[in-house]
């Protein structure tokens, strides 16, 4: 069983930056592919980014160039650096873990590819 806890959300002005963190329990964190999704009010959960066990990353087209996913296996933590925030980035951001070591472009954007989810952290961007 893996437990995930997100932090780092908040209220920021457009153009600002945030770094979200996701702390994971469990001794096999390094074997899991990790992902970030977001969900805006009234919308479906949307893929943002994924990172596999080796550090390979894959991003949604809508966030490329502004979002960076990274992981620190020694700290059992995955991060999402968000730059140049836009009002349309407003959402609850969720961290997810997959028992697969690699999900990549073929599976990474699919909600069901992930086995464990955090409770989410709210990001609100004001214009």
C-alpha atoms as a PDB file:
ATOM      1  CA  UNK A   1       0.000   0.000   0.000  1.00  0.00           C
ATOM      2  CA  UNK A   2       1.241   3.470  -0.871  1.00  0.00           C
ATOM      3  CA  UNK A   3      -0.018   6.672   0.674  1.00  0.00           C
ATOM      4  CA  UNK A   4       0.481   9.982  -1.071  1.00  0.00           C
ATOM      5  CA  UNK A   5       0.249  13.464   0.393  1.00  0.00           C
ATOM      6  CA  UNK A   6       0.404  16.597  -1.722  1.00  0.00           C
ATOM      7  CA  UNK A   7       1.443  20.034  -0.534  1.00  0.00           C
ATOM      8  CA  UNK A   8       2.486  23.382  -1.930  1.00  0.00           C
ATOM      9  CA  UNK A   9      -0.739  24.634  -3.446  1.00  0.00           C
ATOM     10  CA  UNK A  10      -2.107  28.093  -2.838  1.00  0.00           C
ATOM     11  CA  UNK A  11      -3.349  31.356  -4.286  1.00  0.00           C
ATOM     12  CA  UNK A  12      -0.972  33.074  -6.696  1.00  0.00           C
ATOM     13  CA  UNK A  13      -1.162  35.802  -9.283  1.00  0.00           C
ATOM     14  CA  UNK A  14      -0.911  35.071 -12.969  1.00  0.00           C
ATOM     15  CA  UNK A  15       2.709  34.857 -14.019  1.00  0.00           C
ATOM     16  CA  UNK A  16       3.813  33.510 -10.667  1.00  0.00           C
ATOM     17  CA  UNK A  17       5.297  30.126  -9.782  1.00  0.00           C
ATOM     18  CA  UNK A  18       4.603  27.268  -7.426  1.00  0.00           C
ATOM     19  CA  UNK A  19       6.298  24.022  -6.557  1.00  0.00           C
ATOM     20  CA  UNK A  20       4.003  21.199  -5.584  1.00  0.00           C
ATOM     21  CA  UNK A  21       5.337  18.282  -3.594  1.00  0.00           C
ATOM     22  CA  UNK A  22       4.019  14.768  -3.148  1.00  0.00           C
ATOM     23  CA  UNK A  23       5.408  12.698  -0.306  1.00  0.00           C
ATOM     24  CA  UNK A  24       4.961   8.951  -0.626  1.00  0.00           C
ATOM     25  CA  UNK A  25       5.067   6.232   1.976  1.00  0.00           C
ATOM     26  CA  UNK A  26       6.553   2.834   1.263  1.00  0.00           C
ATOM     27  CA  UNK A  27       9.991   1.401   0.593  1.00  0.00           C
ATOM     28  CA  UNK A  28       9.489   0.770  -3.120  1.00  0.00           C
ATOM     29  CA  UNK A  29       8.841   4.339  -4.212  1.00  0.00           C
ATOM     30  CA  UNK A  30      11.731   4.259  -6.685  1.00  0.00           C
ATOM     31  CA  UNK A  31      10.036   1.406  -8.570  1.00  0.00           C
ATOM     32  CA  UNK A  32       6.847   3.341  -9.252  1.00  0.00           C
ATOM     33  CA  UNK A  33       6.005   5.605 -12.118  1.00  0.00           C
ATOM     34  CA  UNK A  34       4.529   8.815 -10.719  1.00  0.00           C
ATOM     35  CA  UNK A  35       2.120  11.281 -12.215  1.00  0.00           C
ATOM     36  CA  UNK A  36       0.350  14.575 -11.678  1.00  0.00           C
ATOM     37  CA  UNK A  37      -3.215  15.233 -12.744  1.00  0.00           C
ATOM     38  CA  UNK A  38      -5.510  18.186 -12.186  1.00  0.00           C
ATOM     39  CA  UNK A  39      -9.230  18.725 -12.000  1.00  0.00           C
ATOM     40  CA  UNK A  40     -10.985  22.039 -12.441  1.00  0.00           C
ATOM     41  CA  UNK A  41     -14.559  22.585 -11.208  1.00  0.00           C
ATOM     42  CA  UNK A  42     -17.061  20.894 -13.490  1.00  0.00           C
ATOM     43  CA  UNK A  43     -14.358  19.215 -15.573  1.00  0.00           C
ATOM     44  CA  UNK A  44     -12.867  15.750 -15.757  1.00  0.00           C
ATOM     45  CA  UNK A  45      -9.522  14.901 -14.231  1.00  0.00           C
ATOM     46  CA  UNK A  46      -6.809  15.904 -16.677  1.00  0.00           C
ATOM     47  CA  UNK A  47      -3.312  14.482 -17.135  1.00  0.00           C
ATOM     48  CA  UNK A  48      -0.449  16.902 -16.500  1.00  0.00           C
ATOM     49  CA  UNK A  49       2.842  15.003 -16.356  1.00  0.00           C
ATOM     50  CA  UNK A  50       4.442  11.681 -15.532  1.00  0.00           C
ATOM     51  CA  UNK A  51       7.912  10.474 -14.573  1.00  0.00           C
ATOM     52  CA  UNK A  52       9.046   6.882 -14.617  1.00  0.00           C
ATOM     53  CA  UNK A  53      11.529   5.023 -12.444  1.00  0.00           C
ATOM     54  CA  UNK A  54      14.500   6.161 -14.555  1.00  0.00           C
ATOM     55  CA  UNK A  55      13.508   9.819 -14.592  1.00  0.00           C
ATOM     56  CA  UNK A  56      12.058   9.876 -18.088  1.00  0.00           C
ATOM     57  CA  UNK A  57       9.238  12.385 -18.336  1.00  0.00           C
ATOM     58  CA  UNK A  58       6.165  12.995 -20.445  1.00  0.00           C
ATOM     59  CA  UNK A  59       3.912  16.074 -20.416  1.00  0.00           C
ATOM     60  CA  UNK A  60       0.519  17.142 -21.622  1.00  0.00           C
ATOM     61  CA  UNK A  61       0.863  19.507 -24.567  1.00  0.00           C
ATOM     62  CA  UNK A  62      -0.960  22.228 -22.639  1.00  0.00           C
ATOM     63  CA  UNK A  63       1.771  22.464 -19.993  1.00  0.00           C
ATOM     64  CA  UNK A  64       4.966  21.798 -21.937  1.00  0.00           C
ATOM     65  CA  UNK A  65       7.564  24.465 -21.313  1.00  0.00           C
ATOM     66  CA  UNK A  66       5.921  25.708 -18.095  1.00  0.00           C
ATOM     67  CA  UNK A  67       5.664  22.590 -15.920  1.00  0.00           C
ATOM     68  CA  UNK A  68       8.523  20.372 -14.782  1.00  0.00           C
ATOM     69  CA  UNK A  69       8.087  17.053 -13.002  1.00  0.00           C
ATOM     70  CA  UNK A  70      10.970  15.613 -11.002  1.00  0.00           C
ATOM     71  CA  UNK A  71      11.545  13.052  -8.282  1.00  0.00           C
ATOM     72  CA  UNK A  72      13.887  12.514  -5.354  1.00  0.00           C
ATOM     73  CA  UNK A  73      13.877   8.812  -4.573  1.00  0.00           C
ATOM     74  CA  UNK A  74      15.944   9.325  -1.427  1.00  0.00           C
ATOM     75  CA  UNK A  75      13.140  11.504  -0.057  1.00  0.00           C
ATOM     76  CA  UNK A  76      10.257   9.473  -1.533  1.00  0.00           C
ATOM     77  CA  UNK A  77       9.010  12.687  -3.074  1.00  0.00           C
ATOM     78  CA  UNK A  78       7.876  13.821  -6.495  1.00  0.00           C
ATOM     79  CA  UNK A  79       7.659  17.487  -7.435  1.00  0.00           C
ATOM     80  CA  UNK A  80       5.815  19.611  -9.939  1.00  0.00           C
ATOM     81  CA  UNK A  81       7.368  22.989 -10.667  1.00  0.00           C
ATOM     82  CA  UNK A  82       4.844  25.312 -12.268  1.00  0.00           C
ATOM     83  CA  UNK A  83       6.027  28.555 -13.856  1.00  0.00           C
ATOM     84  CA  UNK A  84       4.187  31.397 -15.570  1.00  0.00           C
ATOM     85  CA  UNK A  85       0.906  30.376 -13.978  1.00  0.00           C
ATOM     86  CA  UNK A  86      -2.277  31.187 -15.864  1.00  0.00           C
ATOM     87  CA  UNK A  87      -5.862  31.473 -14.593  1.00  0.00           C
ATOM     88  CA  UNK A  88      -6.718  28.323 -16.571  1.00  0.00           C
ATOM     89  CA  UNK A  89      -4.251  26.401 -14.378  1.00  0.00           C
ATOM     90  CA  UNK A  90      -6.680  26.794 -11.475  1.00  0.00           C
ATOM     91  CA  UNK A  91      -7.574  23.301 -10.293  1.00  0.00           C
ATOM     92  CA  UNK A  92      -7.051  20.691  -7.630  1.00  0.00           C
ATOM     93  CA  UNK A  93      -3.759  18.978  -8.392  1.00  0.00           C
ATOM     94  CA  UNK A  94      -3.457  15.276  -7.633  1.00  0.00           C
ATOM     95  CA  UNK A  95      -0.409  13.093  -7.276  1.00  0.00           C
ATOM     96  CA  UNK A  96      -0.645   9.485  -8.431  1.00  0.00           C
ATOM     97  CA  UNK A  97       1.527   6.378  -8.267  1.00  0.00           C
ATOM     98  CA  UNK A  98       1.550   3.413 -10.615  1.00  0.00           C
ATOM     99  CA  UNK A  99       2.828  -0.047  -9.728  1.00  0.00           C
ATOM    100  CA  UNK A 100       4.330  -0.037 -13.208  1.00  0.00           C
ATOM    101  CA  UNK A 101       7.875   1.326 -13.336  1.00  0.00           C
ATOM    102  CA  UNK A 102       7.138   2.960 -16.684  1.00  0.00           C
ATOM    103  CA  UNK A 103       3.918   4.349 -18.147  1.00  0.00           C
ATOM    104  CA  UNK A 104       5.237   6.933 -20.608  1.00  0.00           C
ATOM    105  CA  UNK A 105       3.327   8.423 -23.474  1.00  0.00           C
ATOM    106  CA  UNK A 106       1.253   5.302 -24.138  1.00  0.00           C
ATOM    107  CA  UNK A 107      -0.242   4.926 -20.677  1.00  0.00           C
ATOM    108  CA  UNK A 108       0.769   7.965 -18.660  1.00  0.00           C
ATOM    109  CA  UNK A 109      -2.236  10.114 -19.531  1.00  0.00           C
ATOM    110  CA  UNK A 110      -4.747   7.429 -18.510  1.00  0.00           C
ATOM    111  CA  UNK A 111      -6.244   7.713 -15.018  1.00  0.00           C
ATOM    112  CA  UNK A 112      -6.564   3.943 -14.667  1.00  0.00           C
ATOM    113  CA  UNK A 113      -2.814   3.483 -15.223  1.00  0.00           C
ATOM    114  CA  UNK A 114      -2.322   4.673 -11.645  1.00  0.00           C
ATOM    115  CA  UNK A 115      -3.068   2.624  -8.550  1.00  0.00           C
ATOM    116  CA  UNK A 116      -2.752   5.148  -5.738  1.00  0.00           C
ATOM    117  CA  UNK A 117      -3.916   8.744  -5.418  1.00  0.00           C
ATOM    118  CA  UNK A 118      -3.430  11.587  -3.006  1.00  0.00           C
ATOM    119  CA  UNK A 119      -6.155  13.851  -1.686  1.00  0.00           C
ATOM    120  CA  UNK A 120      -5.103  16.785  -3.848  1.00  0.00           C
ATOM    121  CA  UNK A 121      -3.878  20.319  -3.302  1.00  0.00           C
ATOM    122  CA  UNK A 122      -5.711  23.416  -4.532  1.00  0.00           C
ATOM    123  CA  UNK A 123      -4.004  25.816  -6.909  1.00  0.00           C
ATOM    124  CA  UNK A 124      -5.818  29.064  -7.604  1.00  0.00           C
ATOM    125  CA  UNK A 125      -4.448  31.606 -10.057  1.00  0.00           C
ATOM    126  CA  UNK A 126      -5.835  35.129 -10.040  1.00  0.00           C
ATOM    127  CA  UNK A 127      -5.727  37.333 -13.105  1.00  0.00           C
END
